[in-house]
């Protein structure tokens, strides 16, 4: 989960391990429909990955365009199969 400060004034992006953007605000910016943003609260941006595959494992980073820029790194561990 990534938490932004204020509403409407911040821009939030989820990036993959290679710093390629996956989402920008509420929009998916890649062709892979398994990735999306889920907003349970107005200032939360949760990255959702459906039908997780082994190659999805790794680091994901959320950035918020505050000053200074806020960033949070999460790790996805895939077990089984």
PDB file of N, CA and C in Angstrom:
ATOM      1  N   UNK A   1       0.842  -1.166   0.000  1.00  0.00           N
ATOM      2  CA  UNK A   1       0.000   0.000   0.000  1.00  0.00           C
ATOM      3  C   UNK A   1       0.889   1.232   0.000  1.00  0.00           C
ATOM      4  N   UNK A   2       0.486   2.206  -0.761  1.00  0.00           N
ATOM      5  CA  UNK A   2       1.179   3.477  -0.820  1.00  0.00           C
ATOM      6  C   UNK A   2       0.202   4.554  -0.355  1.00  0.00           C
ATOM      7  N   UNK A   3       0.653   5.422   0.524  1.00  0.00           N
ATOM      8  CA  UNK A   3      -0.218   6.454   1.072  1.00  0.00           C
ATOM      9  C   UNK A   3       0.262   7.816   0.610  1.00  0.00           C
ATOM     10  N   UNK A   4      -0.640   8.589   0.022  1.00  0.00           N
ATOM     11  CA  UNK A   4      -0.326   9.941  -0.418  1.00  0.00           C
ATOM     12  C   UNK A   4      -0.869  10.961   0.564  1.00  0.00           C
ATOM     13  N   UNK A   5      -0.303  12.150   0.531  1.00  0.00           N
ATOM     14  CA  UNK A   5      -0.755  13.215   1.418  1.00  0.00           C
ATOM     15  C   UNK A   5      -1.618  14.172   0.613  1.00  0.00           C
ATOM     16  N   UNK A   6      -2.764  14.507   1.124  1.00  0.00           N
ATOM     17  CA  UNK A   6      -3.647  15.397   0.384  1.00  0.00           C
ATOM     18  C   UNK A   6      -4.327  14.657  -0.743  1.00  0.00           C
ATOM     19  N   UNK A   7      -5.350  15.229  -1.262  1.00  0.00           N
ATOM     20  CA  UNK A   7      -6.093  14.582  -2.332  1.00  0.00           C
ATOM     21  C   UNK A   7      -6.129  15.512  -3.530  1.00  0.00           C
ATOM     22  N   UNK A   8      -5.899  14.977  -4.705  1.00  0.00           N
ATOM     23  CA  UNK A   8      -5.968  15.762  -5.919  1.00  0.00           C
ATOM     24  C   UNK A   8      -4.675  16.467  -6.268  1.00  0.00           C
ATOM     25  N   UNK A   9      -3.850  16.758  -5.290  1.00  0.00           N
ATOM     26  CA  UNK A   9      -2.621  17.502  -5.561  1.00  0.00           C
ATOM     27  C   UNK A   9      -1.415  16.593  -5.759  1.00  0.00           C
ATOM     28  N   UNK A  10      -1.539  15.331  -5.445  1.00  0.00           N
ATOM     29  CA  UNK A  10      -0.407  14.416  -5.583  1.00  0.00           C
ATOM     30  C   UNK A  10      -0.595  13.509  -6.786  1.00  0.00           C
ATOM     31  N   UNK A  11       0.523  13.042  -7.304  1.00  0.00           N
ATOM     32  CA  UNK A  11       0.512  12.051  -8.370  1.00  0.00           C
ATOM     33  C   UNK A  11       1.268  10.838  -7.852  1.00  0.00           C
ATOM     34  N   UNK A  12       0.703   9.670  -8.093  1.00  0.00           N
ATOM     35  CA  UNK A  12       1.250   8.427  -7.551  1.00  0.00           C
ATOM     36  C   UNK A  12       1.543   7.472  -8.694  1.00  0.00           C
ATOM     37  N   UNK A  13       2.700   6.840  -8.641  1.00  0.00           N
ATOM     38  CA  UNK A  13       3.069   5.859  -9.668  1.00  0.00           C
ATOM     39  C   UNK A  13       3.627   4.608  -9.002  1.00  0.00           C
ATOM     40  N   UNK A  14       3.254   3.459  -9.546  1.00  0.00           N
ATOM     41  CA  UNK A  14       3.855   2.182  -9.159  1.00  0.00           C
ATOM     42  C   UNK A  14       4.822   1.783 -10.263  1.00  0.00           C
ATOM     43  N   UNK A  15       6.034   1.383  -9.866  1.00  0.00           N
ATOM     44  CA  UNK A  15       7.086   1.007 -10.809  1.00  0.00           C
ATOM     45  C   UNK A  15       7.544  -0.414 -10.523  1.00  0.00           C
ATOM     46  N   UNK A  16       8.000  -1.110 -11.563  1.00  0.00           N
ATOM     47  CA  UNK A  16       8.514  -2.460 -11.352  1.00  0.00           C
ATOM     48  C   UNK A  16       9.995  -2.410 -10.990  1.00  0.00           C
ATOM     49  N   UNK A  17      10.611  -3.568 -10.877  1.00  0.00           N
ATOM     50  CA  UNK A  17      12.006  -3.675 -10.445  1.00  0.00           C
ATOM     51  C   UNK A  17      12.970  -2.928 -11.381  1.00  0.00           C
ATOM     52  N   UNK A  18      12.585  -2.745 -12.638  1.00  0.00           N
ATOM     53  CA  UNK A  18      13.424  -2.023 -13.606  1.00  0.00           C
ATOM     54  C   UNK A  18      13.042  -0.546 -13.719  1.00  0.00           C
ATOM     55  N   UNK A  19      12.236  -0.064 -12.771  1.00  0.00           N
ATOM     56  CA  UNK A  19      11.749   1.315 -12.745  1.00  0.00           C
ATOM     57  C   UNK A  19      10.852   1.664 -13.932  1.00  0.00           C
ATOM     58  N   UNK A  20      10.236   0.650 -14.524  1.00  0.00           N
ATOM     59  CA  UNK A  20       9.260   0.891 -15.586  1.00  0.00           C
ATOM     60  C   UNK A  20       7.898   1.120 -14.946  1.00  0.00           C
ATOM     61  N   UNK A  21       7.186   2.161 -15.351  1.00  0.00           N
ATOM     62  CA  UNK A  21       5.890   2.442 -14.741  1.00  0.00           C
ATOM     63  C   UNK A  21       4.844   1.380 -15.054  1.00  0.00           C
ATOM     64  N   UNK A  22       4.110   0.990 -14.032  1.00  0.00           N
ATOM     65  CA  UNK A  22       2.998   0.048 -14.167  1.00  0.00           C
ATOM     66  C   UNK A  22       1.677   0.797 -14.112  1.00  0.00           C
ATOM     67  N   UNK A  23       1.591   1.725 -13.165  1.00  0.00           N
ATOM     68  CA  UNK A  23       0.377   2.524 -13.005  1.00  0.00           C
ATOM     69  C   UNK A  23       0.762   3.976 -12.761  1.00  0.00           C
ATOM     70  N   UNK A  24      -0.179   4.862 -13.083  1.00  0.00           N
ATOM     71  CA  UNK A  24      -0.025   6.279 -12.811  1.00  0.00           C
ATOM     72  C   UNK A  24      -1.369   6.772 -12.290  1.00  0.00           C
ATOM     73  N   UNK A  25      -1.372   7.240 -11.049  1.00  0.00           N
ATOM     74  CA  UNK A  25      -2.609   7.550 -10.353  1.00  0.00           C
ATOM     75  C   UNK A  25      -3.521   6.319 -10.398  1.00  0.00           C
ATOM     76  N   UNK A  26      -4.740   6.438 -10.889  1.00  0.00           N
ATOM     77  CA  UNK A  26      -5.657   5.293 -10.917  1.00  0.00           C
ATOM     78  C   UNK A  26      -5.577   4.484 -12.205  1.00  0.00           C
ATOM     79  N   UNK A  27      -4.705   4.882 -13.122  1.00  0.00           N
ATOM     80  CA  UNK A  27      -4.670   4.257 -14.448  1.00  0.00           C
ATOM     81  C   UNK A  27      -3.507   3.278 -14.609  1.00  0.00           C
ATOM     82  N   UNK A  28      -3.784   2.183 -15.271  1.00  0.00           N
ATOM     83  CA  UNK A  28      -2.742   1.230 -15.650  1.00  0.00           C
ATOM     84  C   UNK A  28      -2.086   1.771 -16.911  1.00  0.00           C
ATOM     85  N   UNK A  29      -0.745   1.752 -16.969  1.00  0.00           N
ATOM     86  CA  UNK A  29      -0.047   2.308 -18.127  1.00  0.00           C
ATOM     87  C   UNK A  29       0.714   1.242 -18.921  1.00  0.00           C
ATOM     88  N   UNK A  30       0.520  -0.017 -18.565  1.00  0.00           N
ATOM     89  CA  UNK A  30       1.117  -1.118 -19.328  1.00  0.00           C
ATOM     90  C   UNK A  30      -0.008  -1.952 -19.919  1.00  0.00           C
ATOM     91  N   UNK A  31       0.342  -2.810 -20.868  1.00  0.00           N
ATOM     92  CA  UNK A  31      -0.662  -3.641 -21.531  1.00  0.00           C
ATOM     93  C   UNK A  31      -1.147  -4.814 -20.673  1.00  0.00           C
ATOM     94  N   UNK A  32      -0.422  -5.151 -19.634  1.00  0.00           N
ATOM     95  CA  UNK A  32      -0.750  -6.312 -18.813  1.00  0.00           C
ATOM     96  C   UNK A  32      -1.928  -5.987 -17.886  1.00  0.00           C
ATOM     97  N   UNK A  33      -3.096  -6.535 -18.201  1.00  0.00           N
ATOM     98  CA  UNK A  33      -4.318  -6.233 -17.447  1.00  0.00           C
ATOM     99  C   UNK A  33      -4.345  -6.866 -16.057  1.00  0.00           C
ATOM    100  N   UNK A  34      -3.353  -7.673 -15.727  1.00  0.00           N
ATOM    101  CA  UNK A  34      -3.302  -8.276 -14.393  1.00  0.00           C
ATOM    102  C   UNK A  34      -2.971  -7.233 -13.324  1.00  0.00           C
ATOM    103  N   UNK A  35      -2.372  -6.117 -13.735  1.00  0.00           N
ATOM    104  CA  UNK A  35      -1.975  -5.064 -12.799  1.00  0.00           C
ATOM    105  C   UNK A  35      -3.041  -3.976 -12.747  1.00  0.00           C
ATOM    106  N   UNK A  36      -3.353  -3.524 -11.535  1.00  0.00           N
ATOM    107  CA  UNK A  36      -4.303  -2.427 -11.371  1.00  0.00           C
ATOM    108  C   UNK A  36      -4.067  -1.764 -10.019  1.00  0.00           C
ATOM    109  N   UNK A  37      -4.717  -0.626  -9.828  1.00  0.00           N
ATOM    110  CA  UNK A  37      -4.659   0.089  -8.558  1.00  0.00           C
ATOM    111  C   UNK A  37      -6.015  -0.051  -7.883  1.00  0.00           C
ATOM    112  N   UNK A  38      -5.984  -0.379  -6.609  1.00  0.00           N
ATOM    113  CA  UNK A  38      -7.201  -0.481  -5.809  1.00  0.00           C
ATOM    114  C   UNK A  38      -7.124   0.603  -4.743  1.00  0.00           C
ATOM    115  N   UNK A  39      -8.183   1.410  -4.651  1.00  0.00           N
ATOM    116  CA  UNK A  39      -8.225   2.516  -3.690  1.00  0.00           C
ATOM    117  C   UNK A  39      -9.267   2.209  -2.624  1.00  0.00           C
ATOM    118  N   UNK A  40      -8.827   1.719  -1.467  1.00  0.00           N
ATOM    119  CA  UNK A  40      -9.755   1.443  -0.369  1.00  0.00           C
ATOM    120  C   UNK A  40     -10.077   2.704   0.425  1.00  0.00           C
ATOM    121  N   UNK A  41      -9.185   3.672   0.395  1.00  0.00           N
ATOM    122  CA  UNK A  41      -9.378   4.987   1.002  1.00  0.00           C
ATOM    123  C   UNK A  41      -8.897   6.026   0.005  1.00  0.00           C
ATOM    124  N   UNK A  42      -9.338   7.248   0.158  1.00  0.00           N
ATOM    125  CA  UNK A  42      -9.042   8.297  -0.817  1.00  0.00           C
ATOM    126  C   UNK A  42      -7.541   8.572  -0.948  1.00  0.00           C
ATOM    127  N   UNK A  43      -6.756   8.344   0.093  1.00  0.00           N
ATOM    128  CA  UNK A  43      -5.323   8.628   0.012  1.00  0.00           C
ATOM    129  C   UNK A  43      -4.468   7.358  -0.026  1.00  0.00           C
ATOM    130  N   UNK A  44      -5.045   6.226  -0.455  1.00  0.00           N
ATOM    131  CA  UNK A  44      -4.294   4.977  -0.559  1.00  0.00           C
ATOM    132  C   UNK A  44      -4.333   4.454  -1.988  1.00  0.00           C
ATOM    133  N   UNK A  45      -3.184   4.016  -2.465  1.00  0.00           N
ATOM    134  CA  UNK A  45      -3.056   3.420  -3.790  1.00  0.00           C
ATOM    135  C   UNK A  45      -2.417   2.050  -3.597  1.00  0.00           C
ATOM    136  N   UNK A  46      -3.218   0.994  -3.710  1.00  0.00           N
ATOM    137  CA  UNK A  46      -2.720  -0.372  -3.542  1.00  0.00           C
ATOM    138  C   UNK A  46      -2.508  -1.008  -4.906  1.00  0.00           C
ATOM    139  N   UNK A  47      -1.329  -1.561  -5.125  1.00  0.00           N
ATOM    140  CA  UNK A  47      -1.067  -2.273  -6.372  1.00  0.00           C
ATOM    141  C   UNK A  47      -1.646  -3.673  -6.250  1.00  0.00           C
ATOM    142  N   UNK A  48      -2.474  -4.050  -7.207  1.00  0.00           N
ATOM    143  CA  UNK A  48      -3.065  -5.390  -7.220  1.00  0.00           C
ATOM    144  C   UNK A  48      -2.527  -6.135  -8.433  1.00  0.00           C
ATOM    145  N   UNK A  49      -2.070  -7.369  -8.185  1.00  0.00           N
ATOM    146  CA  UNK A  49      -1.594  -8.231  -9.267  1.00  0.00           C
ATOM    147  C   UNK A  49      -2.445  -9.484  -9.246  1.00  0.00           C
ATOM    148  N   UNK A  50      -3.181  -9.702 -10.315  1.00  0.00           N
ATOM    149  CA  UNK A  50      -4.026 -10.899 -10.414  1.00  0.00           C
ATOM    150  C   UNK A  50      -3.252 -11.989 -11.137  1.00  0.00           C
ATOM    151  N   UNK A  51      -3.644 -13.229 -10.897  1.00  0.00           N
ATOM    152  CA  UNK A  51      -3.030 -14.381 -11.572  1.00  0.00           C
ATOM    153  C   UNK A  51      -1.511 -14.283 -11.526  1.00  0.00           C
ATOM    154  N   UNK A  52      -0.985 -14.179 -10.314  1.00  0.00           N
ATOM    155  CA  UNK A  52       0.443 -13.981 -10.091  1.00  0.00           C
ATOM    156  C   UNK A  52       1.251 -15.141 -10.678  1.00  0.00           C
ATOM    157  N   UNK A  53       2.346 -14.781 -11.329  1.00  0.00           N
ATOM    158  CA  UNK A  53       3.278 -15.765 -11.908  1.00  0.00           C
ATOM    159  C   UNK A  53       4.622 -15.641 -11.203  1.00  0.00           C
ATOM    160  N   UNK A  54       5.437 -16.674 -11.351  1.00  0.00           N
ATOM    161  CA  UNK A  54       6.762 -16.667 -10.728  1.00  0.00           C
ATOM    162  C   UNK A  54       7.579 -15.448 -11.136  1.00  0.00           C
ATOM    163  N   UNK A  55       7.502 -15.060 -12.393  1.00  0.00           N
ATOM    164  CA  UNK A  55       8.318 -13.936 -12.850  1.00  0.00           C
ATOM    165  C   UNK A  55       7.785 -12.584 -12.377  1.00  0.00           C
ATOM    166  N   UNK A  56       6.670 -12.564 -11.655  1.00  0.00           N
ATOM    167  CA  UNK A  56       6.180 -11.336 -11.029  1.00  0.00           C
ATOM    168  C   UNK A  56       6.921 -11.044  -9.720  1.00  0.00           C
ATOM    169  N   UNK A  57       7.599 -12.049  -9.189  1.00  0.00           N
ATOM    170  CA  UNK A  57       8.304 -11.879  -7.917  1.00  0.00           C
ATOM    171  C   UNK A  57       9.342 -10.772  -8.042  1.00  0.00           C
ATOM    172  N   UNK A  58       9.523 -10.062  -6.942  1.00  0.00           N
ATOM    173  CA  UNK A  58      10.557  -9.033  -6.913  1.00  0.00           C
ATOM    174  C   UNK A  58      10.083  -7.755  -6.261  1.00  0.00           C
ATOM    175  N   UNK A  59      10.823  -6.696  -6.530  1.00  0.00           N
ATOM    176  CA  UNK A  59      10.602  -5.403  -5.881  1.00  0.00           C
ATOM    177  C   UNK A  59       9.668  -4.518  -6.704  1.00  0.00           C
ATOM    178  N   UNK A  60       8.758  -3.862  -6.022  1.00  0.00           N
ATOM    179  CA  UNK A  60       7.870  -2.875  -6.633  1.00  0.00           C
ATOM    180  C   UNK A  60       7.992  -1.597  -5.806  1.00  0.00           C
ATOM    181  N   UNK A  61       7.963  -0.456  -6.480  1.00  0.00           N
ATOM    182  CA  UNK A  61       8.159   0.815  -5.782  1.00  0.00           C
ATOM    183  C   UNK A  61       7.027   1.771  -6.107  1.00  0.00           C
ATOM    184  N   UNK A  62       6.516   2.383  -5.069  1.00  0.00           N
ATOM    185  CA  UNK A  62       5.500   3.408  -5.210  1.00  0.00           C
ATOM    186  C   UNK A  62       6.153   4.764  -4.956  1.00  0.00           C
ATOM    187  N   UNK A  63       5.891   5.732  -5.814  1.00  0.00           N
ATOM    188  CA  UNK A  63       6.420   7.075  -5.610  1.00  0.00           C
ATOM    189  C   UNK A  63       5.276   8.080  -5.590  1.00  0.00           C
ATOM    190  N   UNK A  64       5.411   9.080  -4.732  1.00  0.00           N
ATOM    191  CA  UNK A  64       4.429  10.153  -4.609  1.00  0.00           C
ATOM    192  C   UNK A  64       5.175  11.462  -4.833  1.00  0.00           C
ATOM    193  N   UNK A  65       4.652  12.323  -5.681  1.00  0.00           N
ATOM    194  CA  UNK A  65       5.374  13.526  -6.098  1.00  0.00           C
ATOM    195  C   UNK A  65       5.298  14.672  -5.083  1.00  0.00           C
ATOM    196  N   UNK A  66       5.548  14.373  -3.844  1.00  0.00           N
ATOM    197  CA  UNK A  66       5.625  15.408  -2.822  1.00  0.00           C
ATOM    198  C   UNK A  66       7.037  15.979  -2.823  1.00  0.00           C
ATOM    199  N   UNK A  67       7.289  16.990  -2.003  1.00  0.00           N
ATOM    200  CA  UNK A  67       8.655  17.505  -1.867  1.00  0.00           C
ATOM    201  C   UNK A  67       9.056  17.372  -0.412  1.00  0.00           C
ATOM    202  N   UNK A  68      10.051  16.540  -0.118  1.00  0.00           N
ATOM    203  CA  UNK A  68      10.752  15.669  -1.068  1.00  0.00           C
ATOM    204  C   UNK A  68       9.853  14.518  -1.516  1.00  0.00           C
ATOM    205  N   UNK A  69      10.249  13.891  -2.605  1.00  0.00           N
ATOM    206  CA  UNK A  69       9.481  12.764  -3.153  1.00  0.00           C
ATOM    207  C   UNK A  69       9.427  11.651  -2.119  1.00  0.00           C
ATOM    208  N   UNK A  70       8.218  11.112  -1.933  1.00  0.00           N
ATOM    209  CA  UNK A  70       8.043   9.979  -1.024  1.00  0.00           C
ATOM    210  C   UNK A  70       8.066   8.702  -1.844  1.00  0.00           C
ATOM    211  N   UNK A  71       8.666   7.676  -1.279  1.00  0.00           N
ATOM    212  CA  UNK A  71       8.797   6.418  -1.994  1.00  0.00           C
ATOM    213  C   UNK A  71       8.669   5.273  -1.002  1.00  0.00           C
ATOM    214  N   UNK A  72       8.038   4.192  -1.464  1.00  0.00           N
ATOM    215  CA  UNK A  72       7.914   2.992  -0.635  1.00  0.00           C
ATOM    216  C   UNK A  72       8.194   1.780  -1.507  1.00  0.00           C
ATOM    217  N   UNK A  73       9.004   0.890  -0.992  1.00  0.00           N
ATOM    218  CA  UNK A  73       9.350  -0.330  -1.730  1.00  0.00           C
ATOM    219  C   UNK A  73       8.689  -1.512  -1.040  1.00  0.00           C
ATOM    220  N   UNK A  74       8.064  -2.372  -1.845  1.00  0.00           N
ATOM    221  CA  UNK A  74       7.487  -3.611  -1.340  1.00  0.00           C
ATOM    222  C   UNK A  74       8.056  -4.766  -2.159  1.00  0.00           C
ATOM    223  N   UNK A  75       8.099  -5.931  -1.549  1.00  0.00           N
ATOM    224  CA  UNK A  75       8.614  -7.115  -2.223  1.00  0.00           C
ATOM    225  C   UNK A  75       7.507  -8.146  -2.358  1.00  0.00           C
ATOM    226  N   UNK A  76       7.375  -8.691  -3.534  1.00  0.00           N
ATOM    227  CA  UNK A  76       6.415  -9.753  -3.789  1.00  0.00           C
ATOM    228  C   UNK A  76       7.185 -11.070  -3.853  1.00  0.00           C
ATOM    229  N   UNK A  77       6.833 -11.974  -2.947  1.00  0.00           N
ATOM    230  CA  UNK A  77       7.426 -13.312  -2.944  1.00  0.00           C
ATOM    231  C   UNK A  77       6.382 -14.292  -3.460  1.00  0.00           C
ATOM    232  N   UNK A  78       6.736 -15.084  -4.439  1.00  0.00           N
ATOM    233  CA  UNK A  78       5.808 -16.040  -5.032  1.00  0.00           C
ATOM    234  C   UNK A  78       6.237 -17.438  -4.623  1.00  0.00           C
ATOM    235  N   UNK A  79       5.317 -18.183  -4.018  1.00  0.00           N
ATOM    236  CA  UNK A  79       5.600 -19.554  -3.571  1.00  0.00           C
ATOM    237  C   UNK A  79       4.729 -20.527  -4.333  1.00  0.00           C
ATOM    238  N   UNK A  80       5.207 -21.729  -4.499  1.00  0.00           N
ATOM    239  CA  UNK A  80       4.419 -22.762  -5.140  1.00  0.00           C
ATOM    240  C   UNK A  80       4.596 -22.807  -6.640  1.00  0.00           C
ATOM    241  N   UNK A  81       3.974 -23.790  -7.240  1.00  0.00           N
ATOM    242  CA  UNK A  81       4.002 -24.053  -8.670  1.00  0.00           C
ATOM    243  C   UNK A  81       5.401 -23.997  -9.184  1.00  0.00           C
TER     244      UNK A  81
END
